[in-house]
Amino acid sequence: MKLETIRDLLRCEVLAGTDALDTDVDTAVASDAMSVVLACPHPGAVMITGLANIQSVRTAQVSYLAAVIYVRGSRPNGDAIKLAADRKMVLLASPLGMFEACGVLFDHGIKGGV
């Protein structure tokens, strides 16, 4: 599924990485604990989190994730957005809760990461 489709399904605002919305993904990981994401890497997946700080961007970067989707209306600060933009990483912000966002993606064929 293209990130632009995920953007639309989850009613996301694009915070960074507009040029990469044509990237295909088939897996999502969801956690507010970055150590969990780092312990079970899924390169090319999207990360769904409410943890809106620069560590979420760094975690996505070292895990080779395609995008970070912030849920529950969370938004990272300007430094995190700038880092993502510099790294050509997609950041999306959704008003949905984590459970609902995961359910929507699952219903549309995205598989869950361990």
PDB file of N, CA and C in Angstrom:
ATOM      1  N   MET A   1       0.847  -1.171   0.000  1.00  0.00           N
ATOM      2  CA  MET A   1       0.000   0.000   0.000  1.00  0.00           C
ATOM      3  C   MET A   1       0.896   1.238   0.000  1.00  0.00           C
ATOM      4  N   LYS A   2       0.534   2.211  -0.767  1.00  0.00           N
ATOM      5  CA  LYS A   2       1.288   3.463  -0.841  1.00  0.00           C
ATOM      6  C   LYS A   2       1.055   4.300   0.427  1.00  0.00           C
ATOM      7  N   LEU A   3       2.080   5.030   0.823  1.00  0.00           N
ATOM      8  CA  LEU A   3       1.945   5.914   1.976  1.00  0.00           C
ATOM      9  C   LEU A   3       0.863   6.965   1.755  1.00  0.00           C
ATOM     10  N   GLU A   4       0.650   7.382   0.519  1.00  0.00           N
ATOM     11  CA  GLU A   4      -0.411   8.362   0.259  1.00  0.00           C
ATOM     12  C   GLU A   4      -1.783   7.773   0.564  1.00  0.00           C
ATOM     13  N   THR A   5      -1.959   6.475   0.346  1.00  0.00           N
ATOM     14  CA  THR A   5      -3.220   5.809   0.687  1.00  0.00           C
ATOM     15  C   THR A   5      -3.383   5.754   2.199  1.00  0.00           C
ATOM     16  N   ILE A   6      -2.295   5.438   2.900  1.00  0.00           N
ATOM     17  CA  ILE A   6      -2.331   5.433   4.368  1.00  0.00           C
ATOM     18  C   ILE A   6      -2.666   6.824   4.880  1.00  0.00           C
ATOM     19  N   ARG A   7      -2.051   7.840   4.285  1.00  0.00           N
ATOM     20  CA  ARG A   7      -2.357   9.235   4.656  1.00  0.00           C
ATOM     21  C   ARG A   7      -3.860   9.487   4.598  1.00  0.00           C
ATOM     22  N   ASP A   8      -4.483   9.050   3.510  1.00  0.00           N
ATOM     23  CA  ASP A   8      -5.911   9.289   3.326  1.00  0.00           C
ATOM     24  C   ASP A   8      -6.760   8.451   4.291  1.00  0.00           C
ATOM     25  N   LEU A   9      -6.414   7.172   4.459  1.00  0.00           N
ATOM     26  CA  LEU A   9      -7.185   6.289   5.339  1.00  0.00           C
ATOM     27  C   LEU A   9      -7.178   6.772   6.786  1.00  0.00           C
ATOM     28  N   LEU A  10      -6.025   7.264   7.235  1.00  0.00           N
ATOM     29  CA  LEU A  10      -5.888   7.689   8.633  1.00  0.00           C
ATOM     30  C   LEU A  10      -6.093   9.192   8.829  1.00  0.00           C
ATOM     31  N   ARG A  11      -6.505   9.877   7.758  1.00  0.00           N
ATOM     32  CA  ARG A  11      -6.772  11.320   7.805  1.00  0.00           C
ATOM     33  C   ARG A  11      -5.566  12.098   8.342  1.00  0.00           C
ATOM     34  N   CYS A  12      -4.405  11.786   7.780  1.00  0.00           N
ATOM     35  CA  CYS A  12      -3.143  12.351   8.261  1.00  0.00           C
ATOM     36  C   CYS A  12      -2.801  13.683   7.621  1.00  0.00           C
ATOM     37  N   GLU A  13      -2.101  14.465   8.395  1.00  0.00           N
ATOM     38  CA  GLU A  13      -1.414  15.646   7.885  1.00  0.00           C
ATOM     39  C   GLU A  13       0.024  15.215   7.597  1.00  0.00           C
ATOM     40  N   VAL A  14       0.565  15.638   6.489  1.00  0.00           N
ATOM     41  CA  VAL A  14       1.957  15.324   6.152  1.00  0.00           C
ATOM     42  C   VAL A  14       2.844  16.386   6.796  1.00  0.00           C
ATOM     43  N   LEU A  15       3.739  15.945   7.670  1.00  0.00           N
ATOM     44  CA  LEU A  15       4.649  16.862   8.360  1.00  0.00           C
ATOM     45  C   LEU A  15       6.007  16.942   7.676  1.00  0.00           C
ATOM     46  N   ALA A  16       6.403  15.869   7.011  1.00  0.00           N
ATOM     47  CA  ALA A  16       7.676  15.812   6.288  1.00  0.00           C
ATOM     48  C   ALA A  16       7.605  14.678   5.280  1.00  0.00           C
ATOM     49  N   GLY A  17       8.409  14.789   4.218  1.00  0.00           N
ATOM     50  CA  GLY A  17       8.536  13.700   3.264  1.00  0.00           C
ATOM     51  C   GLY A  17       7.483  13.610   2.188  1.00  0.00           C
ATOM     52  N   THR A  18       6.897  14.718   1.817  1.00  0.00           N
ATOM     53  CA  THR A  18       5.847  14.723   0.792  1.00  0.00           C
ATOM     54  C   THR A  18       6.293  14.015  -0.483  1.00  0.00           C
ATOM     55  N   ASP A  19       7.547  14.150  -0.834  1.00  0.00           N
ATOM     56  CA  ASP A  19       8.060  13.551  -2.074  1.00  0.00           C
ATOM     57  C   ASP A  19       8.125  12.027  -2.029  1.00  0.00           C
ATOM     58  N   ALA A  20       8.016  11.420  -0.857  1.00  0.00           N
ATOM     59  CA  ALA A  20       8.139   9.964  -0.735  1.00  0.00           C
ATOM     60  C   ALA A  20       6.810   9.271  -0.465  1.00  0.00           C
ATOM     61  N   LEU A  21       5.704   9.954  -0.676  1.00  0.00           N
ATOM     62  CA  LEU A  21       4.399   9.355  -0.392  1.00  0.00           C
ATOM     63  C   LEU A  21       4.024   8.240  -1.358  1.00  0.00           C
ATOM     64  N   ASP A  22       4.810   8.042  -2.409  1.00  0.00           N
ATOM     65  CA  ASP A  22       4.541   6.948  -3.337  1.00  0.00           C
ATOM     66  C   ASP A  22       5.246   5.653  -2.917  1.00  0.00           C
ATOM     67  N   THR A  23       5.875   5.666  -1.737  1.00  0.00           N
ATOM     68  CA  THR A  23       6.551   4.483  -1.204  1.00  0.00           C
ATOM     69  C   THR A  23       5.533   3.420  -0.818  1.00  0.00           C
ATOM     70  N   ASP A  24       5.823   2.164  -1.183  1.00  0.00           N
ATOM     71  CA  ASP A  24       4.969   1.037  -0.824  1.00  0.00           C
ATOM     72  C   ASP A  24       5.383   0.456   0.523  1.00  0.00           C
ATOM     73  N   VAL A  25       4.396   0.138   1.346  1.00  0.00           N
ATOM     74  CA  VAL A  25       4.640  -0.554   2.612  1.00  0.00           C
ATOM     75  C   VAL A  25       3.620  -1.676   2.765  1.00  0.00           C
ATOM     76  N   ASP A  26       4.011  -2.717   3.507  1.00  0.00           N
ATOM     77  CA  ASP A  26       3.072  -3.810   3.766  1.00  0.00           C
ATOM     78  C   ASP A  26       3.030  -4.219   5.228  1.00  0.00           C
ATOM     79  N   THR A  27       3.839  -3.532   6.068  1.00  0.00           N
ATOM     80  CA  THR A  27       3.938  -3.885   7.479  1.00  0.00           C
ATOM     81  C   THR A  27       3.898  -2.627   8.341  1.00  0.00           C
ATOM     82  N   ALA A  28       3.297  -2.764   9.518  1.00  0.00           N
ATOM     83  CA  ALA A  28       3.286  -1.676  10.495  1.00  0.00           C
ATOM     84  C   ALA A  28       3.707  -2.223  11.854  1.00  0.00           C
ATOM     85  N   VAL A  29       4.419  -1.392  12.594  1.00  0.00           N
ATOM     86  CA  VAL A  29       4.737  -1.675  13.988  1.00  0.00           C
ATOM     87  C   VAL A  29       4.142  -0.538  14.805  1.00  0.00           C
ATOM     88  N   ALA A  30       3.629  -0.865  15.969  1.00  0.00           N
ATOM     89  CA  ALA A  30       2.967   0.156  16.785  1.00  0.00           C
ATOM     90  C   ALA A  30       3.461   0.052  18.227  1.00  0.00           C
ATOM     91  N   SER A  31       4.013   1.160  18.718  1.00  0.00           N
ATOM     92  CA  SER A  31       4.496   1.179  20.091  1.00  0.00           C
ATOM     93  C   SER A  31       4.860   2.598  20.487  1.00  0.00           C
ATOM     94  N   ASP A  32       4.734   2.871  21.769  1.00  0.00           N
ATOM     95  CA  ASP A  32       5.259   4.111  22.318  1.00  0.00           C
ATOM     96  C   ASP A  32       6.624   3.858  22.956  1.00  0.00           C
ATOM     97  N   ALA A  33       7.055   2.604  22.973  1.00  0.00           N
ATOM     98  CA  ALA A  33       8.362   2.231  23.518  1.00  0.00           C
ATOM     99  C   ALA A  33       9.333   2.011  22.363  1.00  0.00           C
ATOM    100  N   MET A  34      10.246   2.928  22.188  1.00  0.00           N
ATOM    101  CA  MET A  34      11.178   2.834  21.067  1.00  0.00           C
ATOM    102  C   MET A  34      12.076   1.612  21.185  1.00  0.00           C
ATOM    103  N   SER A  35      12.326   1.133  22.400  1.00  0.00           N
ATOM    104  CA  SER A  35      13.156  -0.063  22.586  1.00  0.00           C
ATOM    105  C   SER A  35      12.496  -1.290  21.962  1.00  0.00           C
ATOM    106  N   VAL A  36      11.178  -1.339  21.968  1.00  0.00           N
ATOM    107  CA  VAL A  36      10.459  -2.457  21.347  1.00  0.00           C
ATOM    108  C   VAL A  36      10.653  -2.427  19.840  1.00  0.00           C
ATOM    109  N   VAL A  37      10.570  -1.262  19.251  1.00  0.00           N
ATOM    110  CA  VAL A  37      10.751  -1.113  17.806  1.00  0.00           C
ATOM    111  C   VAL A  37      12.180  -1.489  17.419  1.00  0.00           C
ATOM    112  N   LEU A  38      13.137  -1.054  18.209  1.00  0.00           N
ATOM    113  CA  LEU A  38      14.536  -1.364  17.917  1.00  0.00           C
ATOM    114  C   LEU A  38      14.845  -2.847  18.094  1.00  0.00           C
ATOM    115  N   ALA A  39      14.173  -3.505  19.020  1.00  0.00           N
ATOM    116  CA  ALA A  39      14.436  -4.922  19.291  1.00  0.00           C
ATOM    117  C   ALA A  39      13.873  -5.845  18.213  1.00  0.00           C
ATOM    118  N   CYS A  40      12.872  -5.395  17.495  1.00  0.00           N
ATOM    119  CA  CYS A  40      12.230  -6.215  16.459  1.00  0.00           C
ATOM    120  C   CYS A  40      12.166  -5.424  15.165  1.00  0.00           C
ATOM    121  N   PRO A  41      13.294  -5.265  14.489  1.00  0.00           N
ATOM    122  CA  PRO A  41      13.313  -4.412  13.296  1.00  0.00           C
ATOM    123  C   PRO A  41      12.499  -4.969  12.132  1.00  0.00           C
ATOM    124  N   HIS A  42      11.869  -4.081  11.409  1.00  0.00           N
ATOM    125  CA  HIS A  42      11.095  -4.386  10.210  1.00  0.00           C
ATOM    126  C   HIS A  42      11.387  -3.312   9.175  1.00  0.00           C
ATOM    127  N   PRO A  43      12.548  -3.396   8.517  1.00  0.00           N
ATOM    128  CA  PRO A  43      12.887  -2.370   7.523  1.00  0.00           C
ATOM    129  C   PRO A  43      11.768  -2.186   6.500  1.00  0.00           C
ATOM    130  N   GLY A  44      11.494  -0.932   6.193  1.00  0.00           N
ATOM    131  CA  GLY A  44      10.460  -0.609   5.218  1.00  0.00           C
ATOM    132  C   GLY A  44       9.063  -0.510   5.787  1.00  0.00           C
ATOM    133  N   ALA A  45       8.894  -0.822   7.068  1.00  0.00           N
ATOM    134  CA  ALA A  45       7.576  -0.736   7.711  1.00  0.00           C
ATOM    135  C   ALA A  45       7.265   0.707   8.103  1.00  0.00           C
ATOM    136  N   VAL A  46       6.024   0.942   8.501  1.00  0.00           N
ATOM    137  CA  VAL A  46       5.659   2.205   9.126  1.00  0.00           C
ATOM    138  C   VAL A  46       5.587   1.990  10.627  1.00  0.00           C
ATOM    139  N   MET A  47       5.938   3.009  11.383  1.00  0.00           N
ATOM    140  CA  MET A  47       5.832   2.946  12.833  1.00  0.00           C
ATOM    141  C   MET A  47       4.682   3.843  13.258  1.00  0.00           C
ATOM    142  N   ILE A  48       3.799   3.299  14.067  1.00  0.00           N
ATOM    143  CA  ILE A  48       2.675   4.049  14.611  1.00  0.00           C
ATOM    144  C   ILE A  48       2.980   4.294  16.079  1.00  0.00           C
ATOM    145  N   THR A  49       2.974   5.559  16.474  1.00  0.00           N
ATOM    146  CA  THR A  49       3.341   5.904  17.841  1.00  0.00           C
ATOM    147  C   THR A  49       2.677   7.208  18.268  1.00  0.00           C
ATOM    148  N   GLY A  50       2.571   7.377  19.553  1.00  0.00           N
ATOM    149  CA  GLY A  50       2.125   8.643  20.121  1.00  0.00           C
ATOM    150  C   GLY A  50       3.291   9.406  20.722  1.00  0.00           C
ATOM    151  N   LEU A  51       4.476   8.796  20.681  1.00  0.00           N
ATOM    152  CA  LEU A  51       5.670   9.409  21.241  1.00  0.00           C
ATOM    153  C   LEU A  51       6.227  10.415  20.249  1.00  0.00           C
ATOM    154  N   ALA A  52       5.925  11.661  20.474  1.00  0.00           N
ATOM    155  CA  ALA A  52       6.243  12.717  19.500  1.00  0.00           C
ATOM    156  C   ALA A  52       7.486  13.486  19.912  1.00  0.00           C
ATOM    157  N   ASN A  53       8.631  12.822  19.838  1.00  0.00           N
ATOM    158  CA  ASN A  53       9.882  13.521  20.097  1.00  0.00           C
ATOM    159  C   ASN A  53      10.922  13.098  19.074  1.00  0.00           C
ATOM    160  N   ILE A  54      12.087  13.684  19.160  1.00  0.00           N
ATOM    161  CA  ILE A  54      13.119  13.418  18.161  1.00  0.00           C
ATOM    162  C   ILE A  54      13.589  11.968  18.201  1.00  0.00           C
ATOM    163  N   GLN A  55      13.451  11.308  19.355  1.00  0.00           N
ATOM    164  CA  GLN A  55      13.861   9.905  19.448  1.00  0.00           C
ATOM    165  C   GLN A  55      13.044   9.005  18.522  1.00  0.00           C
ATOM    166  N   SER A  56      11.799   9.350  18.298  1.00  0.00           N
ATOM    167  CA  SER A  56      10.987   8.540  17.387  1.00  0.00           C
ATOM    168  C   SER A  56      11.537   8.622  15.968  1.00  0.00           C
ATOM    169  N   VAL A  57      12.010   9.794  15.569  1.00  0.00           N
ATOM    170  CA  VAL A  57      12.600   9.958  14.237  1.00  0.00           C
ATOM    171  C   VAL A  57      13.927   9.213  14.165  1.00  0.00           C
ATOM    172  N   ARG A  58      14.727   9.311  15.194  1.00  0.00           N
ATOM    173  CA  ARG A  58      16.014   8.602  15.210  1.00  0.00           C
ATOM    174  C   ARG A  58      15.808   7.087  15.195  1.00  0.00           C
ATOM    175  N   THR A  59      14.823   6.617  15.940  1.00  0.00           N
ATOM    176  CA  THR A  59      14.510   5.189  15.941  1.00  0.00           C
ATOM    177  C   THR A  59      14.099   4.736  14.549  1.00  0.00           C
ATOM    178  N   ALA A  60      13.253   5.497  13.900  1.00  0.00           N
ATOM    179  CA  ALA A  60      12.826   5.157  12.539  1.00  0.00           C
ATOM    180  C   ALA A  60      14.006   5.146  11.590  1.00  0.00           C
ATOM    181  N   GLN A  61      14.899   6.081  11.771  1.00  0.00           N
ATOM    182  CA  GLN A  61      16.066   6.180  10.895  1.00  0.00           C
ATOM    183  C   GLN A  61      16.962   4.950  11.040  1.00  0.00           C
ATOM    184  N   VAL A  62      17.339   4.600  12.258  1.00  0.00           N
ATOM    185  CA  VAL A  62      18.255   3.463  12.444  1.00  0.00           C
ATOM    186  C   VAL A  62      17.576   2.126  12.169  1.00  0.00           C
ATOM    187  N   SER A  63      16.252   2.101  12.184  1.00  0.00           N
ATOM    188  CA  SER A  63      15.509   0.873  11.885  1.00  0.00           C
ATOM    189  C   SER A  63      15.111   0.782  10.422  1.00  0.00           C
ATOM    190  N   TYR A  64      15.486   1.779   9.631  1.00  0.00           N
ATOM    191  CA  TYR A  64      15.180   1.821   8.200  1.00  0.00           C
ATOM    192  C   TYR A  64      13.677   1.722   7.927  1.00  0.00           C
ATOM    193  N   LEU A  65      12.896   2.452   8.732  1.00  0.00           N
ATOM    194  CA  LEU A  65      11.446   2.478   8.544  1.00  0.00           C
ATOM    195  C   LEU A  65      11.074   3.464   7.448  1.00  0.00           C
ATOM    196  N   ALA A  66       9.966   3.191   6.790  1.00  0.00           N
ATOM    197  CA  ALA A  66       9.518   4.049   5.690  1.00  0.00           C
ATOM    198  C   ALA A  66       8.874   5.336   6.185  1.00  0.00           C
ATOM    199  N   ALA A  67       8.241   5.276   7.349  1.00  0.00           N
ATOM    200  CA  ALA A  67       7.508   6.452   7.835  1.00  0.00           C
ATOM    201  C   ALA A  67       7.188   6.306   9.309  1.00  0.00           C
ATOM    202  N   VAL A  68       6.910   7.440   9.931  1.00  0.00           N
ATOM    203  CA  VAL A  68       6.378   7.478  11.291  1.00  0.00           C
ATOM    204  C   VAL A  68       5.002   8.101  11.218  1.00  0.00           C
ATOM    205  N   ILE A  69       4.033   7.438  11.839  1.00  0.00           N
ATOM    206  CA  ILE A  69       2.670   7.969  11.920  1.00  0.00           C
ATOM    207  C   ILE A  69       2.395   8.277  13.385  1.00  0.00           C
ATOM    208  N   TYR A  70       2.238   9.552  13.689  1.00  0.00           N
ATOM    209  CA  TYR A  70       1.916   9.971  15.048  1.00  0.00           C
ATOM    210  C   TYR A  70       0.402   9.936  15.220  1.00  0.00           C
ATOM    211  N   VAL A  71      -0.050   9.319  16.300  1.00  0.00           N
ATOM    212  CA  VAL A  71      -1.486   9.164  16.552  1.00  0.00           C
ATOM    213  C   VAL A  71      -1.906   9.976  17.774  1.00  0.00           C
ATOM    214  N   ARG A  72      -3.204   9.971  18.018  1.00  0.00           N
ATOM    215  CA  ARG A  72      -3.799  10.687  19.162  1.00  0.00           C
ATOM    216  C   ARG A  72      -3.554  12.187  19.078  1.00  0.00           C
ATOM    217  N   GLY A  73      -3.377  12.699  17.857  1.00  0.00           N
ATOM    218  CA  GLY A  73      -3.148  14.125  17.695  1.00  0.00           C
ATOM    219  C   GLY A  73      -1.756  14.581  18.077  1.00  0.00           C
ATOM    220  N   SER A  74      -0.858  13.638  18.354  1.00  0.00           N
ATOM    221  CA  SER A  74       0.525  13.989  18.721  1.00  0.00           C
ATOM    222  C   SER A  74       1.242  14.594  17.528  1.00  0.00           C
ATOM    223  N   ARG A  75       2.122  15.529  17.827  1.00  0.00           N
ATOM    224  CA  ARG A  75       2.933  16.170  16.777  1.00  0.00           C
ATOM    225  C   ARG A  75       4.330  16.406  17.347  1.00  0.00           C
ATOM    226  N   PRO A  76       5.347  16.031  16.592  1.00  0.00           N
ATOM    227  CA  PRO A  76       6.709  16.293  17.061  1.00  0.00           C
ATOM    228  C   PRO A  76       7.042  17.777  16.939  1.00  0.00           C
ATOM    229  N   ASN A  77       8.108  18.176  17.621  1.00  0.00           N
ATOM    230  CA  ASN A  77       8.513  19.583  17.545  1.00  0.00           C
ATOM    231  C   ASN A  77       9.284  19.850  16.253  1.00  0.00           C
ATOM    232  N   GLY A  78       9.645  21.096  16.061  1.00  0.00           N
ATOM    233  CA  GLY A  78      10.314  21.509  14.839  1.00  0.00           C
ATOM    234  C   GLY A  78      11.639  20.812  14.586  1.00  0.00           C
ATOM    235  N   ASP A  79      12.403  20.529  15.639  1.00  0.00           N
ATOM    236  CA  ASP A  79      13.688  19.849  15.469  1.00  0.00           C
ATOM    237  C   ASP A  79      13.493  18.438  14.911  1.00  0.00           C
ATOM    238  N   ALA A  80      12.495  17.739  15.400  1.00  0.00           N
ATOM    239  CA  ALA A  80      12.218  16.380  14.903  1.00  0.00           C
ATOM    240  C   ALA A  80      11.748  16.429  13.450  1.00  0.00           C
ATOM    241  N   ILE A  81      10.914  17.380  13.138  1.00  0.00           N
ATOM    242  CA  ILE A  81      10.426  17.514  11.753  1.00  0.00           C
ATOM    243  C   ILE A  81      11.583  17.873  10.823  1.00  0.00           C
ATOM    244  N   LYS A  82      12.461  18.752  11.261  1.00  0.00           N
ATOM    245  CA  LYS A  82      13.615  19.137  10.443  1.00  0.00           C
ATOM    246  C   LYS A  82      14.530  17.937  10.213  1.00  0.00           C
ATOM    247  N   LEU A  83      14.794  17.153  11.249  1.00  0.00           N
ATOM    248  CA  LEU A  83      15.640  15.970  11.102  1.00  0.00           C
ATOM    249  C   LEU A  83      15.031  15.009  10.081  1.00  0.00           C
ATOM    250  N   ALA A  84      13.724  14.775  10.187  1.00  0.00           N
ATOM    251  CA  ALA A  84      13.050  13.888   9.233  1.00  0.00           C
ATOM    252  C   ALA A  84      13.139  14.443   7.819  1.00  0.00           C
ATOM    253  N   ALA A  85      12.915  15.727   7.659  1.00  0.00           N
ATOM    254  CA  ALA A  85      12.988  16.343   6.336  1.00  0.00           C
ATOM    255  C   ALA A  85      14.399  16.226   5.761  1.00  0.00           C
ATOM    256  N   ASP A  86      15.404  16.453   6.596  1.00  0.00           N
ATOM    257  CA  ASP A  86      16.799  16.333   6.155  1.00  0.00           C
ATOM    258  C   ASP A  86      17.125  14.906   5.721  1.00  0.00           C
ATOM    259  N   ARG A  87      16.503  13.930   6.358  1.00  0.00           N
ATOM    260  CA  ARG A  87      16.746  12.511   6.063  1.00  0.00           C
ATOM    261  C   ARG A  87      15.773  11.959   5.028  1.00  0.00           C
ATOM    262  N   LYS A  88      14.924  12.849   4.490  1.00  0.00           N
ATOM    263  CA  LYS A  88      13.930  12.450   3.474  1.00  0.00           C
ATOM    264  C   LYS A  88      12.987  11.361   4.007  1.00  0.00           C
ATOM    265  N   MET A  89      12.615  11.495   5.269  1.00  0.00           N
ATOM    266  CA  MET A  89      11.736  10.551   5.941  1.00  0.00           C
ATOM    267  C   MET A  89      10.318  11.115   6.004  1.00  0.00           C
ATOM    268  N   VAL A  90       9.341  10.246   5.851  1.00  0.00           N
ATOM    269  CA  VAL A  90       7.943  10.658   5.895  1.00  0.00           C
ATOM    270  C   VAL A  90       7.461  10.685   7.345  1.00  0.00           C
ATOM    271  N   LEU A  91       6.869  11.798   7.744  1.00  0.00           N
ATOM    272  CA  LEU A  91       6.194  11.925   9.041  1.00  0.00           C
ATOM    273  C   LEU A  91       4.752  12.294   8.770  1.00  0.00           C
ATOM    274  N   LEU A  92       3.839  11.551   9.382  1.00  0.00           N
ATOM    275  CA  LEU A  92       2.411  11.803   9.252  1.00  0.00           C
ATOM    276  C   LEU A  92       1.811  11.974  10.644  1.00  0.00           C
ATOM    277  N   ALA A  93       0.791  12.800  10.766  1.00  0.00           N
ATOM    278  CA  ALA A  93       0.103  13.009  12.039  1.00  0.00           C
ATOM    279  C   ALA A  93      -1.378  12.711  11.836  1.00  0.00           C
ATOM    280  N   SER A  94      -1.909  11.799  12.642  1.00  0.00           N
ATOM    281  CA  SER A  94      -3.308  11.389  12.542  1.00  0.00           C
ATOM    282  C   SER A  94      -4.063  11.735  13.823  1.00  0.00           C
ATOM    283  N   PRO A  95      -5.321  12.111  13.691  1.00  0.00           N
ATOM    284  CA  PRO A  95      -6.125  12.354  14.888  1.00  0.00           C
ATOM    285  C   PRO A  95      -6.619  11.057  15.532  1.00  0.00           C
ATOM    286  N   LEU A  96      -6.486   9.929  14.836  1.00  0.00           N
ATOM    287  CA  LEU A  96      -6.988   8.652  15.343  1.00  0.00           C
ATOM    288  C   LEU A  96      -6.136   8.144  16.503  1.00  0.00           C
ATOM    289  N   GLY A  97      -6.728   7.312  17.337  1.00  0.00           N
ATOM    290  CA  GLY A  97      -5.980   6.635  18.380  1.00  0.00           C
ATOM    291  C   GLY A  97      -5.167   5.494  17.785  1.00  0.00           C
ATOM    292  N   MET A  98      -4.228   4.979  18.556  1.00  0.00           N
ATOM    293  CA  MET A  98      -3.360   3.918  18.054  1.00  0.00           C
ATOM    294  C   MET A  98      -4.147   2.665  17.688  1.00  0.00           C
ATOM    295  N   PHE A  99      -5.065   2.253  18.538  1.00  0.00           N
ATOM    296  CA  PHE A  99      -5.855   1.047  18.288  1.00  0.00           C
ATOM    297  C   PHE A  99      -6.653   1.182  17.002  1.00  0.00           C
ATOM    298  N   GLU A 100      -7.312   2.303  16.833  1.00  0.00           N
ATOM    299  CA  GLU A 100      -8.119   2.518  15.631  1.00  0.00           C
ATOM    300  C   GLU A 100      -7.248   2.579  14.378  1.00  0.00           C
ATOM    301  N   ALA A 101      -6.121   3.281  14.445  1.00  0.00           N
ATOM    302  CA  ALA A 101      -5.226   3.381  13.290  1.00  0.00           C
ATOM    303  C   ALA A 101      -4.720   2.005  12.878  1.00  0.00           C
ATOM    304  N   CYS A 102      -4.336   1.200  13.856  1.00  0.00           N
ATOM    305  CA  CYS A 102      -3.873  -0.161  13.552  1.00  0.00           C
ATOM    306  C   CYS A 102      -4.989  -0.984  12.925  1.00  0.00           C
ATOM    307  N   GLY A 103      -6.190  -0.852  13.449  1.00  0.00           N
ATOM    308  CA  GLY A 103      -7.325  -1.594  12.908  1.00  0.00           C
ATOM    309  C   GLY A 103      -7.644  -1.223  11.471  1.00  0.00           C
ATOM    310  N   VAL A 104      -7.604   0.054  11.175  1.00  0.00           N
ATOM    311  CA  VAL A 104      -7.871   0.510   9.808  1.00  0.00           C
ATOM    312  C   VAL A 104      -6.830  -0.071   8.850  1.00  0.00           C
ATOM    313  N   LEU A 105      -5.568   0.004   9.231  1.00  0.00           N
ATOM    314  CA  LEU A 105      -4.519  -0.516   8.355  1.00  0.00           C
ATOM    315  C   LEU A 105      -4.626  -2.036   8.208  1.00  0.00           C
ATOM    316  N   PHE A 106      -4.916  -2.728   9.296  1.00  0.00           N
ATOM    317  CA  PHE A 106      -5.085  -4.183   9.242  1.00  0.00           C
ATOM    318  C   PHE A 106      -6.233  -4.555   8.303  1.00  0.00           C
ATOM    319  N   ASP A 107      -7.325  -3.837   8.428  1.00  0.00           N
ATOM    320  CA  ASP A 107      -8.487  -4.092   7.552  1.00  0.00           C
ATOM    321  C   ASP A 107      -8.184  -3.859   6.072  1.00  0.00           C
ATOM    322  N   HIS A 108      -7.151  -3.073   5.801  1.00  0.00           N
ATOM    323  CA  HIS A 108      -6.774  -2.786   4.420  1.00  0.00           C
ATOM    324  C   HIS A 108      -5.530  -3.551   3.973  1.00  0.00           C
ATOM    325  N   GLY A 109      -5.191  -4.607   4.702  1.00  0.00           N
ATOM    326  CA  GLY A 109      -4.149  -5.522   4.253  1.00  0.00           C
ATOM    327  C   GLY A 109      -2.759  -5.305   4.785  1.00  0.00           C
ATOM    328  N   ILE A 110      -2.553  -4.341   5.653  1.00  0.00           N
ATOM    329  CA  ILE A 110      -1.227  -4.142   6.246  1.00  0.00           C
ATOM    330  C   ILE A 110      -1.056  -5.179   7.352  1.00  0.00           C
ATOM    331  N   LYS A 111       0.071  -5.883   7.330  1.00  0.00           N
ATOM    332  CA  LYS A 111       0.321  -6.883   8.368  1.00  0.00           C
ATOM    333  C   LYS A 111       1.074  -6.254   9.521  1.00  0.00           C
ATOM    334  N   GLY A 112       0.937  -6.843  10.675  1.00  0.00           N
ATOM    335  CA  GLY A 112       1.589  -6.340  11.861  1.00  0.00           C
ATOM    336  C   GLY A 112       2.971  -6.919  12.033  1.00  0.00           C
ATOM    337  N   GLY A 113       3.894  -6.079  12.505  1.00  0.00           N
ATOM    338  CA  GLY A 113       5.225  -6.557  12.848  1.00  0.00           C
ATOM    339  C   GLY A 113       5.201  -7.147  14.251  1.00  0.00           C
ATOM    340  N   VAL A 114       6.124  -7.999  14.527  1.00  0.00           N
ATOM    341  CA  VAL A 114       6.190  -8.656  15.833  1.00  0.00           C
ATOM    342  C   VAL A 114       6.632  -7.662  16.890  1.00  0.00           C
TER     343      VAL A 114
END
